[in-house]
Amino acid sequence: MQRSSDEIKARCACVLENKSIAALVEASSSPSAAYEMIFTETKDVSMAKAGRWLAVLRRDYPVEYRKLVPIQPNTPCASISR
């Protein structure tokens, strides 16, 4: 079952303003990898789940994803807000 882009956006809304999380999603190869990377950095299950949904949006609705997360050159992944 594929979820609508609006439903996915609602599930990832809490991390949309977090540039560090967005950078980790950009660096990930899949939604599961995004979850693991975010959880490793933050130890926050809710944030990791929201980041996984952001990665699902990137995979399933790339145009919608780019509207929310524009491409930013040289985005560092090292400094995560905790």
C-alpha atoms as a PDB file:
ATOM      1  CA  MET A   1       0.000   0.000   0.000  1.00  0.00           C
ATOM      2  CA  GLN A   2       1.411   3.349  -1.024  1.00  0.00           C
ATOM      3  CA  ARG A   3       0.598   6.307   1.211  1.00  0.00           C
ATOM      4  CA  SER A   4      -0.307   9.713  -0.167  1.00  0.00           C
ATOM      5  CA  SER A   5       2.314  12.443  -0.182  1.00  0.00           C
ATOM      6  CA  ASP A   6       0.169  14.462   2.249  1.00  0.00           C
ATOM      7  CA  GLU A   7       0.103  11.599   4.748  1.00  0.00           C
ATOM      8  CA  ILE A   8       3.854  11.110   4.472  1.00  0.00           C
ATOM      9  CA  LYS A   9       4.471  14.857   4.880  1.00  0.00           C
ATOM     10  CA  ALA A  10       2.370  14.833   8.045  1.00  0.00           C
ATOM     11  CA  ARG A  11       4.456  11.969   9.439  1.00  0.00           C
ATOM     12  CA  CYS A  12       7.756  13.765   8.840  1.00  0.00           C
ATOM     13  CA  ALA A  13       6.623  17.295   9.700  1.00  0.00           C
ATOM     14  CA  CYS A  14       8.495  17.418  13.016  1.00  0.00           C
ATOM     15  CA  VAL A  15      11.897  17.136  11.315  1.00  0.00           C
ATOM     16  CA  LEU A  16      11.365  19.355   8.280  1.00  0.00           C
ATOM     17  CA  GLU A  17      12.985  22.387   9.903  1.00  0.00           C
ATOM     18  CA  ASN A  18      15.944  20.401  11.213  1.00  0.00           C
ATOM     19  CA  LYS A  19      18.721  20.843   8.660  1.00  0.00           C
ATOM     20  CA  SER A  20      20.924  18.240  10.342  1.00  0.00           C
ATOM     21  CA  ILE A  21      18.243  15.563  10.041  1.00  0.00           C
ATOM     22  CA  ALA A  22      17.562  16.565   6.439  1.00  0.00           C
ATOM     23  CA  ALA A  23      21.293  16.217   5.736  1.00  0.00           C
ATOM     24  CA  LEU A  24      21.294  12.693   7.177  1.00  0.00           C
ATOM     25  CA  VAL A  25      18.289  11.768   5.038  1.00  0.00           C
ATOM     26  CA  GLU A  26      20.110  13.166   1.990  1.00  0.00           C
ATOM     27  CA  ALA A  27      23.145  11.033   2.816  1.00  0.00           C
ATOM     28  CA  SER A  28      21.128   7.855   3.360  1.00  0.00           C
ATOM     29  CA  SER A  29      20.590   5.192   0.736  1.00  0.00           C
ATOM     30  CA  SER A  30      17.122   4.101   1.915  1.00  0.00           C
ATOM     31  CA  PRO A  31      14.428   4.877   4.484  1.00  0.00           C
ATOM     32  CA  SER A  32      15.795   2.140   6.760  1.00  0.00           C
ATOM     33  CA  ALA A  33      19.310   3.539   6.479  1.00  0.00           C
ATOM     34  CA  ALA A  34      17.957   7.023   7.287  1.00  0.00           C
ATOM     35  CA  TYR A  35      16.317   5.637  10.420  1.00  0.00           C
ATOM     36  CA  GLU A  36      19.542   3.966  11.555  1.00  0.00           C
ATOM     37  CA  MET A  37      21.685   7.030  10.851  1.00  0.00           C
ATOM     38  CA  ILE A  38      19.328   9.412  12.655  1.00  0.00           C
ATOM     39  CA  PHE A  39      18.825   7.102  15.630  1.00  0.00           C
ATOM     40  CA  THR A  40      22.587   6.614  15.951  1.00  0.00           C
ATOM     41  CA  GLU A  41      23.109  10.379  16.104  1.00  0.00           C
ATOM     42  CA  THR A  42      20.115  11.410  18.233  1.00  0.00           C
ATOM     43  CA  LYS A  43      19.018   8.317  20.214  1.00  0.00           C
ATOM     44  CA  ASP A  44      15.487   9.627  19.595  1.00  0.00           C
ATOM     45  CA  VAL A  45      13.080   7.011  18.181  1.00  0.00           C
ATOM     46  CA  SER A  46      10.433   9.597  17.230  1.00  0.00           C
ATOM     47  CA  MET A  47      12.934  11.697  15.310  1.00  0.00           C
ATOM     48  CA  ALA A  48      14.343   8.597  13.607  1.00  0.00           C
ATOM     49  CA  LYS A  49      10.852   7.502  12.524  1.00  0.00           C
ATOM     50  CA  ALA A  50      10.061  10.965  11.181  1.00  0.00           C
ATOM     51  CA  GLY A  51      13.365  10.951   9.291  1.00  0.00           C
ATOM     52  CA  ARG A  52      12.516   7.554   7.835  1.00  0.00           C
ATOM     53  CA  TRP A  53       9.226   9.018   6.561  1.00  0.00           C
ATOM     54  CA  LEU A  54      11.136  11.914   5.025  1.00  0.00           C
ATOM     55  CA  ALA A  55      13.266   9.345   3.204  1.00  0.00           C
ATOM     56  CA  VAL A  56      10.083   7.570   2.047  1.00  0.00           C
ATOM     57  CA  LEU A  57       8.898  10.906   0.641  1.00  0.00           C
ATOM     58  CA  ARG A  58      12.234  11.270  -1.186  1.00  0.00           C
ATOM     59  CA  ARG A  59      11.895   7.775  -2.653  1.00  0.00           C
ATOM     60  CA  ASP A  60       8.203   7.826  -3.586  1.00  0.00           C
ATOM     61  CA  TYR A  61       7.547  11.517  -4.294  1.00  0.00           C
ATOM     62  CA  PRO A  62      10.862  13.123  -5.281  1.00  0.00           C
ATOM     63  CA  VAL A  63       9.268  16.316  -6.627  1.00  0.00           C
ATOM     64  CA  GLU A  64       7.326  16.873  -3.385  1.00  0.00           C
ATOM     65  CA  TYR A  65      10.471  16.081  -1.392  1.00  0.00           C
ATOM     66  CA  ARG A  66      12.519  18.683  -3.273  1.00  0.00           C
ATOM     67  CA  LYS A  67       9.849  21.315  -2.584  1.00  0.00           C
ATOM     68  CA  LEU A  68      10.337  20.687   1.144  1.00  0.00           C
ATOM     69  CA  VAL A  69      14.080  20.005   1.138  1.00  0.00           C
ATOM     70  CA  PRO A  70      15.876  22.025  -1.529  1.00  0.00           C
ATOM     71  CA  ILE A  71      19.322  20.894  -2.613  1.00  0.00           C
ATOM     72  CA  GLN A  72      21.988  22.616  -0.538  1.00  0.00           C
ATOM     73  CA  PRO A  73      25.614  22.162  -1.549  1.00  0.00           C
ATOM     74  CA  ASN A  74      28.168  21.040   1.038  1.00  0.00           C
ATOM     75  CA  THR A  75      25.673  20.296   3.826  1.00  0.00           C
ATOM     76  CA  PRO A  76      27.664  18.859   6.740  1.00  0.00           C
ATOM     77  CA  CYS A  77      26.227  15.814   8.509  1.00  0.00           C
ATOM     78  CA  ALA A  78      28.502  15.962  11.535  1.00  0.00           C
ATOM     79  CA  SER A  79      26.715  18.499  13.734  1.00  0.00           C
ATOM     80  CA  ILE A  80      23.366  17.117  14.848  1.00  0.00           C
ATOM     81  CA  SER A  81      21.129  19.143  17.154  1.00  0.00           C
ATOM     82  CA  ARG A  82      20.222  17.046  20.158  1.00  0.00           C
END
